[in-house]
Amino acid sequence: MTTEQTAIAGLEEIYDTLALAIDAAPEDKRELLLAKVALLLAHEIRDPQRVIDLIGRAASSTQNALTQAN
């Protein structure tokens, strides 16, 4: 397995774990769960500007996906 394949497999595992956690959370607590995950990851990264940039990328890609769906 190449490094890229390993990285993709890791992302797939993260996606699956996050999706299961979201599904298991009460509907009115899902946003709180995502906020807590983001804050815990930000604490691990320890680079506030990097975290802010990544949040912007995620928000932008979400908006693009919504626009393309309509």
N, C-alpha and C. Protein backbone atom coordinates (compact mmCIF):
# COMPACT_ATOMS: atom_id res chain seq x y z
N MET A 1 0.85 -1.18 0.00
CA MET A 1 0.00 0.00 0.00
C MET A 1 0.89 1.24 0.00
N THR A 2 0.60 2.19 -0.88
CA THR A 2 1.39 3.42 -0.95
C THR A 2 1.03 4.36 0.19
N THR A 3 1.86 5.36 0.36
CA THR A 3 1.59 6.36 1.40
C THR A 3 0.25 7.05 1.15
N GLU A 4 -0.03 7.36 -0.13
CA GLU A 4 -1.30 8.02 -0.46
C GLU A 4 -2.48 7.11 -0.16
N GLN A 5 -2.36 5.82 -0.47
CA GLN A 5 -3.44 4.88 -0.18
C GLN A 5 -3.66 4.77 1.32
N THR A 6 -2.57 4.77 2.08
CA THR A 6 -2.67 4.71 3.53
C THR A 6 -3.36 5.96 4.06
N ALA A 7 -3.01 7.11 3.51
CA ALA A 7 -3.63 8.37 3.94
C ALA A 7 -5.12 8.37 3.63
N ILE A 8 -5.48 7.89 2.44
CA ILE A 8 -6.89 7.84 2.06
C ILE A 8 -7.65 6.87 2.95
N ALA A 9 -7.05 5.72 3.24
CA ALA A 9 -7.69 4.75 4.13
C ALA A 9 -7.91 5.36 5.52
N GLY A 10 -6.94 6.13 5.99
CA GLY A 10 -7.09 6.80 7.28
C GLY A 10 -8.22 7.81 7.26
N LEU A 11 -8.33 8.56 6.17
CA LEU A 11 -9.43 9.53 6.05
C LEU A 11 -10.78 8.83 6.00
N GLU A 12 -10.83 7.70 5.32
CA GLU A 12 -12.09 6.95 5.26
C GLU A 12 -12.49 6.45 6.65
N GLU A 13 -11.50 6.02 7.43
CA GLU A 13 -11.80 5.56 8.79
C GLU A 13 -12.29 6.72 9.65
N ILE A 14 -11.67 7.88 9.50
CA ILE A 14 -12.10 9.06 10.24
C ILE A 14 -13.52 9.43 9.83
N TYR A 15 -13.79 9.44 8.53
CA TYR A 15 -15.14 9.76 8.04
C TYR A 15 -16.16 8.80 8.62
N ASP A 16 -15.87 7.51 8.57
CA ASP A 16 -16.80 6.51 9.10
C ASP A 16 -17.05 6.72 10.59
N THR A 17 -15.99 6.96 11.34
CA THR A 17 -16.12 7.16 12.78
C THR A 17 -16.95 8.40 13.08
N LEU A 18 -16.68 9.48 12.35
CA LEU A 18 -17.44 10.72 12.55
C LEU A 18 -18.90 10.54 12.16
N ALA A 19 -19.15 9.87 11.04
CA ALA A 19 -20.53 9.64 10.60
C ALA A 19 -21.31 8.82 11.63
N LEU A 20 -20.67 7.80 12.18
CA LEU A 20 -21.34 6.98 13.19
C LEU A 20 -21.63 7.79 14.45
N ALA A 21 -20.67 8.64 14.85
CA ALA A 21 -20.88 9.48 16.04
C ALA A 21 -22.02 10.47 15.81
N ILE A 22 -22.08 11.05 14.62
CA ILE A 22 -23.17 11.98 14.30
C ILE A 22 -24.51 11.26 14.32
N ASP A 23 -24.56 10.09 13.70
CA ASP A 23 -25.80 9.31 13.68
C ASP A 23 -26.25 8.91 15.08
N ALA A 24 -25.29 8.62 15.96
CA ALA A 24 -25.62 8.17 17.31
C ALA A 24 -26.05 9.32 18.23
N ALA A 25 -25.64 10.53 17.88
CA ALA A 25 -25.97 11.69 18.72
C ALA A 25 -27.43 12.07 18.53
N PRO A 26 -28.06 12.55 19.60
CA PRO A 26 -29.42 13.07 19.44
C PRO A 26 -29.41 14.20 18.41
N GLU A 27 -30.46 14.28 17.63
CA GLU A 27 -30.49 15.25 16.53
C GLU A 27 -30.21 16.67 16.99
N ASP A 28 -30.70 17.04 18.17
CA ASP A 28 -30.49 18.40 18.66
C ASP A 28 -29.10 18.62 19.27
N LYS A 29 -28.26 17.59 19.28
CA LYS A 29 -26.91 17.71 19.84
C LYS A 29 -25.82 17.51 18.79
N ARG A 30 -26.20 17.32 17.53
CA ARG A 30 -25.22 17.02 16.48
C ARG A 30 -24.29 18.21 16.22
N GLU A 31 -24.84 19.40 16.20
CA GLU A 31 -23.99 20.58 16.00
C GLU A 31 -23.01 20.73 17.15
N LEU A 32 -23.45 20.47 18.37
CA LEU A 32 -22.57 20.53 19.53
C LEU A 32 -21.45 19.50 19.41
N LEU A 33 -21.78 18.30 18.97
CA LEU A 33 -20.76 17.26 18.77
C LEU A 33 -19.71 17.74 17.78
N LEU A 34 -20.14 18.28 16.64
CA LEU A 34 -19.19 18.74 15.63
C LEU A 34 -18.33 19.89 16.15
N ALA A 35 -18.93 20.79 16.91
CA ALA A 35 -18.16 21.89 17.50
C ALA A 35 -17.11 21.36 18.47
N LYS A 36 -17.48 20.37 19.28
CA LYS A 36 -16.53 19.79 20.23
C LYS A 36 -15.39 19.08 19.50
N VAL A 37 -15.72 18.35 18.45
CA VAL A 37 -14.68 17.69 17.66
C VAL A 37 -13.72 18.73 17.09
N ALA A 38 -14.27 19.80 16.52
CA ALA A 38 -13.44 20.86 15.94
C ALA A 38 -12.53 21.48 16.99
N LEU A 39 -13.06 21.75 18.17
CA LEU A 39 -12.25 22.36 19.23
C LEU A 39 -11.17 21.42 19.74
N LEU A 40 -11.49 20.14 19.88
CA LEU A 40 -10.49 19.17 20.31
C LEU A 40 -9.36 19.04 19.28
N LEU A 41 -9.73 19.01 18.01
CA LEU A 41 -8.71 18.94 16.96
C LEU A 41 -7.88 20.23 16.92
N ALA A 42 -8.53 21.37 17.10
CA ALA A 42 -7.81 22.65 17.14
C ALA A 42 -6.80 22.66 18.28
N HIS A 43 -7.20 22.12 19.41
CA HIS A 43 -6.29 22.04 20.56
C HIS A 43 -5.08 21.18 20.22
N GLU A 44 -5.29 20.10 19.50
CA GLU A 44 -4.19 19.21 19.10
C GLU A 44 -3.27 19.88 18.08
N ILE A 45 -3.85 20.62 17.13
CA ILE A 45 -3.06 21.26 16.07
C ILE A 45 -2.22 22.39 16.64
N ARG A 46 -2.77 23.14 17.58
CA ARG A 46 -2.06 24.25 18.25
C ARG A 46 -1.57 25.33 17.27
N ASP A 47 -2.35 25.55 16.23
CA ASP A 47 -2.05 26.61 15.26
C ASP A 47 -3.37 27.26 14.88
N PRO A 48 -3.77 28.29 15.65
CA PRO A 48 -5.09 28.88 15.45
C PRO A 48 -5.36 29.32 14.00
N GLN A 49 -4.39 29.94 13.36
CA GLN A 49 -4.62 30.41 11.99
C GLN A 49 -4.85 29.25 11.04
N ARG A 50 -4.13 28.16 11.22
CA ARG A 50 -4.32 26.96 10.39
C ARG A 50 -5.74 26.42 10.58
N VAL A 51 -6.20 26.37 11.81
CA VAL A 51 -7.55 25.89 12.10
C VAL A 51 -8.59 26.80 11.46
N ILE A 52 -8.40 28.10 11.56
CA ILE A 52 -9.32 29.06 10.96
C ILE A 52 -9.36 28.87 9.44
N ASP A 53 -8.20 28.69 8.83
CA ASP A 53 -8.14 28.46 7.38
C ASP A 53 -8.87 27.18 6.99
N LEU A 54 -8.69 26.13 7.77
CA LEU A 54 -9.35 24.85 7.48
C LEU A 54 -10.86 24.95 7.65
N ILE A 55 -11.30 25.69 8.65
CA ILE A 55 -12.75 25.90 8.83
C ILE A 55 -13.30 26.63 7.60
N GLY A 56 -12.57 27.62 7.13
CA GLY A 56 -12.99 28.35 5.93
C GLY A 56 -13.08 27.44 4.71
N ARG A 57 -12.09 26.56 4.55
CA ARG A 57 -12.12 25.60 3.43
C ARG A 57 -13.31 24.67 3.54
N ALA A 58 -13.58 24.19 4.74
CA ALA A 58 -14.72 23.28 4.93
C ALA A 58 -16.03 24.00 4.63
N ALA A 59 -16.15 25.24 5.11
CA ALA A 59 -17.38 26.00 4.87
C ALA A 59 -17.55 26.28 3.38
N SER A 60 -16.47 26.61 2.72
CA SER A 60 -16.53 26.90 1.28
C SER A 60 -16.92 25.66 0.48
N SER A 61 -16.32 24.53 0.81
CA SER A 61 -16.65 23.30 0.07
C SER A 61 -18.08 22.86 0.35
N THR A 62 -18.57 23.13 1.54
CA THR A 62 -19.96 22.80 1.87
C THR A 62 -20.91 23.67 1.05
N GLN A 63 -20.60 24.96 0.96
CA GLN A 63 -21.44 25.87 0.17
C GLN A 63 -21.42 25.48 -1.31
N ASN A 64 -20.24 25.10 -1.82
CA ASN A 64 -20.13 24.67 -3.21
C ASN A 64 -20.95 23.42 -3.46
N ALA A 65 -20.93 22.48 -2.53
CA ALA A 65 -21.70 21.25 -2.68
C ALA A 65 -23.19 21.54 -2.68
N LEU A 66 -23.62 22.46 -1.83
CA LEU A 66 -25.04 22.83 -1.78
C LEU A 66 -25.47 23.52 -3.08
N THR A 67 -24.61 24.37 -3.61
CA THR A 67 -24.91 25.08 -4.86
C THR A 67 -25.02 24.10 -6.02
N GLN A 68 -24.12 23.13 -6.08
CA GLN A 68 -24.13 22.14 -7.16
C GLN A 68 -25.34 21.22 -7.06
N ALA A 69 -25.81 20.97 -5.85
CA ALA A 69 -26.96 20.08 -5.67
C ALA A 69 -28.25 20.73 -6.15
N ASN A 70 -28.30 22.05 -6.12
CA ASN A 70 -29.51 22.77 -6.54
C ASN A 70 -29.43 23.08 -7.97
